Amino acid sequence: MLIYGELRLSDFAEGDVNPEIMPLAARVRRIPDPSAPPDALNPAQRFHTVTLSLADGTTRHQRCTRQESLAEGVDVGRKLRLALGARSPELLAHSALRSTADLNAVAGALLQSLKP
């Protein structure tokens, strides 16, 4: 997200990690918060905190709760167009998923978009 400004479906695909991401990914540390309640007990209390340490020694913090994430909403059509890439114009007619054929067309295109 720091590199591209958004999360992309291809960033979660099986296979080799994008070489542009590897130098940054090697510097990421995940630190669980033992005080956070388990998701199963109270999903509304879940949160993520990102701390970015800059070269000059300063840090930037951003915390996002589940409620904040849900309040932002999701542009599903835009996410689908980004995931499908160049295939999106002919597949947008299927994006309403009105039939099994629509689902198969979109699922097939998503699988194709994950291939190198």
C-alpha atoms as a PDB file:
ATOM      1  CA  MET A   1       0.000   0.000   0.000  1.00  0.00           C
ATOM      2  CA  LEU A   2       2.912   2.352   0.698  1.00  0.00           C
ATOM      3  CA  ILE A   3       4.263   1.720  -2.792  1.00  0.00           C
ATOM      4  CA  TYR A   4       1.076   1.681  -4.895  1.00  0.00           C
ATOM      5  CA  GLY A   5      -1.359   3.612  -2.707  1.00  0.00           C
ATOM      6  CA  GLU A   6      -3.804   0.711  -2.527  1.00  0.00           C
ATOM      7  CA  LEU A   7      -4.001  -3.018  -1.913  1.00  0.00           C
ATOM      8  CA  ARG A   8      -4.210  -5.029  -5.098  1.00  0.00           C
ATOM      9  CA  LEU A   9      -5.515  -8.560  -5.552  1.00  0.00           C
ATOM     10  CA  SER A  10      -2.277  -9.559  -7.273  1.00  0.00           C
ATOM     11  CA  ASP A  11      -0.353  -8.698  -4.092  1.00  0.00           C
ATOM     12  CA  PHE A  12      -2.081 -11.622  -2.350  1.00  0.00           C
ATOM     13  CA  ALA A  13      -1.710 -14.195  -5.130  1.00  0.00           C
ATOM     14  CA  GLU A  14       0.286 -17.379  -4.783  1.00  0.00           C
ATOM     15  CA  GLY A  15       3.756 -17.415  -6.235  1.00  0.00           C
ATOM     16  CA  ASP A  16       6.743 -15.120  -6.040  1.00  0.00           C
ATOM     17  CA  VAL A  17       6.383 -11.839  -4.195  1.00  0.00           C
ATOM     18  CA  ASN A  18       6.550  -8.730  -6.354  1.00  0.00           C
ATOM     19  CA  PRO A  19      10.267  -7.782  -6.440  1.00  0.00           C
ATOM     20  CA  GLU A  20       9.367  -4.096  -6.016  1.00  0.00           C
ATOM     21  CA  ILE A  21       7.810  -4.916  -2.643  1.00  0.00           C
ATOM     22  CA  MET A  22      10.535  -7.191  -1.255  1.00  0.00           C
ATOM     23  CA  PRO A  23      12.938  -4.491   0.017  1.00  0.00           C
ATOM     24  CA  LEU A  24      10.131  -2.832   1.977  1.00  0.00           C
ATOM     25  CA  ALA A  25       8.584  -6.123   3.133  1.00  0.00           C
ATOM     26  CA  ALA A  26      11.929  -7.187   4.572  1.00  0.00           C
ATOM     27  CA  ARG A  27      11.760  -4.191   6.906  1.00  0.00           C
ATOM     28  CA  VAL A  28       8.249  -4.882   8.243  1.00  0.00           C
ATOM     29  CA  ARG A  29       7.745  -6.248  11.735  1.00  0.00           C
ATOM     30  CA  ARG A  30       4.416  -7.487  13.056  1.00  0.00           C
ATOM     31  CA  ILE A  31       3.928  -6.923  16.765  1.00  0.00           C
ATOM     32  CA  PRO A  32       0.692  -8.391  18.166  1.00  0.00           C
ATOM     33  CA  ASP A  33      -1.022  -6.433  20.925  1.00  0.00           C
ATOM     34  CA  PRO A  34      -1.802  -8.860  23.752  1.00  0.00           C
ATOM     35  CA  SER A  35      -4.353  -6.414  25.183  1.00  0.00           C
ATOM     36  CA  ALA A  36      -6.509  -6.560  22.025  1.00  0.00           C
ATOM     37  CA  PRO A  37      -9.602  -8.715  22.566  1.00  0.00           C
ATOM     38  CA  PRO A  38      -9.905 -11.818  20.399  1.00  0.00           C
ATOM     39  CA  ASP A  39     -11.907 -11.186  17.244  1.00  0.00           C
ATOM     40  CA  ALA A  40     -14.397 -13.891  18.220  1.00  0.00           C
ATOM     41  CA  LEU A  41     -15.183 -12.135  21.523  1.00  0.00           C
ATOM     42  CA  ASN A  42     -15.587  -8.574  20.301  1.00  0.00           C
ATOM     43  CA  PRO A  43     -14.897  -7.877  16.617  1.00  0.00           C
ATOM     44  CA  ALA A  44     -15.914  -4.227  17.079  1.00  0.00           C
ATOM     45  CA  GLN A  45     -12.851  -3.651  19.265  1.00  0.00           C
ATOM     46  CA  ARG A  46     -10.338  -4.832  16.655  1.00  0.00           C
ATOM     47  CA  PHE A  47      -7.828  -2.367  15.288  1.00  0.00           C
ATOM     48  CA  HIS A  48      -4.585  -2.073  13.356  1.00  0.00           C
ATOM     49  CA  THR A  49      -1.819   0.353  14.158  1.00  0.00           C
ATOM     50  CA  VAL A  50       0.904   1.101  11.644  1.00  0.00           C
ATOM     51  CA  THR A  51       4.098   2.819  12.731  1.00  0.00           C
ATOM     52  CA  LEU A  52       6.399   4.099  10.036  1.00  0.00           C
ATOM     53  CA  SER A  53       9.964   4.852  11.133  1.00  0.00           C
ATOM     54  CA  LEU A  54      11.647   7.393   8.881  1.00  0.00           C
ATOM     55  CA  ALA A  55      15.351   7.651   8.093  1.00  0.00           C
ATOM     56  CA  ASP A  56      15.676  10.824  10.169  1.00  0.00           C
ATOM     57  CA  GLY A  57      14.541   8.954  13.297  1.00  0.00           C
ATOM     58  CA  THR A  58      11.001  10.331  13.421  1.00  0.00           C
ATOM     59  CA  THR A  59       7.960   8.097  13.353  1.00  0.00           C
ATOM     60  CA  ARG A  60       4.445   8.375  12.020  1.00  0.00           C
ATOM     61  CA  HIS A  61       1.552   6.432  13.562  1.00  0.00           C
ATOM     62  CA  GLN A  62      -1.873   5.608  12.177  1.00  0.00           C
ATOM     63  CA  ARG A  63      -4.505   3.553  13.960  1.00  0.00           C
ATOM     64  CA  CYS A  64      -7.622   2.254  12.255  1.00  0.00           C
ATOM     65  CA  THR A  65     -10.487   0.479  13.993  1.00  0.00           C
ATOM     66  CA  ARG A  66     -12.913  -1.874  12.351  1.00  0.00           C
ATOM     67  CA  GLN A  67     -15.667   0.745  12.664  1.00  0.00           C
ATOM     68  CA  GLU A  68     -13.506   3.313  10.848  1.00  0.00           C
ATOM     69  CA  SER A  69     -12.773   0.838   8.054  1.00  0.00           C
ATOM     70  CA  LEU A  70     -16.448  -0.004   7.628  1.00  0.00           C
ATOM     71  CA  ALA A  71     -17.441   3.685   7.668  1.00  0.00           C
ATOM     72  CA  GLU A  72     -15.189   4.397   4.678  1.00  0.00           C
ATOM     73  CA  GLY A  73     -17.248   2.153   2.454  1.00  0.00           C
ATOM     74  CA  VAL A  74     -15.988   0.186  -0.513  1.00  0.00           C
ATOM     75  CA  ASP A  75     -16.229   1.007  -4.204  1.00  0.00           C
ATOM     76  CA  VAL A  76     -16.742  -2.594  -5.295  1.00  0.00           C
ATOM     77  CA  GLY A  77     -16.922  -1.692  -8.986  1.00  0.00           C
ATOM     78  CA  ARG A  78     -13.559   0.078  -8.840  1.00  0.00           C
ATOM     79  CA  LYS A  79     -11.980  -2.832  -6.965  1.00  0.00           C
ATOM     80  CA  LEU A  80     -13.289  -5.240  -9.578  1.00  0.00           C
ATOM     81  CA  ARG A  81     -12.003  -3.079 -12.460  1.00  0.00           C
ATOM     82  CA  LEU A  82      -8.554  -2.889 -10.833  1.00  0.00           C
ATOM     83  CA  ALA A  83      -8.479  -6.629 -10.194  1.00  0.00           C
ATOM     84  CA  LEU A  84      -9.523  -7.478 -13.748  1.00  0.00           C
ATOM     85  CA  GLY A  85      -7.149  -4.979 -15.324  1.00  0.00           C
ATOM     86  CA  ALA A  86      -7.352  -4.854 -19.111  1.00  0.00           C
ATOM     87  CA  ARG A  87     -10.094  -7.494 -19.145  1.00  0.00           C
ATOM     88  CA  SER A  88     -12.569  -5.241 -17.320  1.00  0.00           C
ATOM     89  CA  PRO A  89     -14.479  -3.647 -20.234  1.00  0.00           C
ATOM     90  CA  GLU A  90     -15.935  -6.906 -21.519  1.00  0.00           C
ATOM     91  CA  LEU A  91     -16.509  -8.309 -18.024  1.00  0.00           C
ATOM     92  CA  LEU A  92     -18.294  -5.392 -16.420  1.00  0.00           C
ATOM     93  CA  ALA A  93     -21.564  -6.663 -17.864  1.00  0.00           C
ATOM     94  CA  HIS A  94     -21.036  -9.797 -15.734  1.00  0.00           C
ATOM     95  CA  SER A  95     -20.174  -7.898 -12.540  1.00  0.00           C
ATOM     96  CA  ALA A  96     -23.766  -7.838 -11.262  1.00  0.00           C
ATOM     97  CA  LEU A  97     -23.490 -11.647 -10.990  1.00  0.00           C
ATOM     98  CA  ARG A  98     -27.022 -12.329 -12.166  1.00  0.00           C
ATOM     99  CA  SER A  99     -26.242 -15.893 -13.206  1.00  0.00           C
ATOM    100  CA  THR A 100     -23.801 -18.749 -12.761  1.00  0.00           C
ATOM    101  CA  ALA A 101     -22.320 -17.805 -16.142  1.00  0.00           C
ATOM    102  CA  ASP A 102     -21.587 -14.293 -14.830  1.00  0.00           C
ATOM    103  CA  LEU A 103     -19.893 -15.721 -11.754  1.00  0.00           C
ATOM    104  CA  ASN A 104     -17.828 -18.121 -13.862  1.00  0.00           C
ATOM    105  CA  ALA A 105     -16.760 -15.339 -16.246  1.00  0.00           C
ATOM    106  CA  VAL A 106     -15.621 -13.057 -13.443  1.00  0.00           C
ATOM    107  CA  ALA A 107     -13.946 -15.864 -11.473  1.00  0.00           C
ATOM    108  CA  GLY A 108     -12.105 -17.021 -14.596  1.00  0.00           C
ATOM    109  CA  ALA A 109     -10.892 -13.499 -15.341  1.00  0.00           C
ATOM    110  CA  LEU A 110      -9.711 -13.019 -11.756  1.00  0.00           C
ATOM    111  CA  LEU A 111      -7.762 -16.271 -11.918  1.00  0.00           C
ATOM    112  CA  GLN A 112      -6.212 -15.198 -15.226  1.00  0.00           C
ATOM    113  CA  SER A 113      -5.220 -11.821 -13.777  1.00  0.00           C
ATOM    114  CA  LEU A 114      -3.198 -13.583 -11.075  1.00  0.00           C
ATOM    115  CA  LYS A 115      -1.055 -15.470 -13.568  1.00  0.00           C
ATOM    116  CA  PRO A 116       2.300 -13.907 -14.473  1.00  0.00           C
END
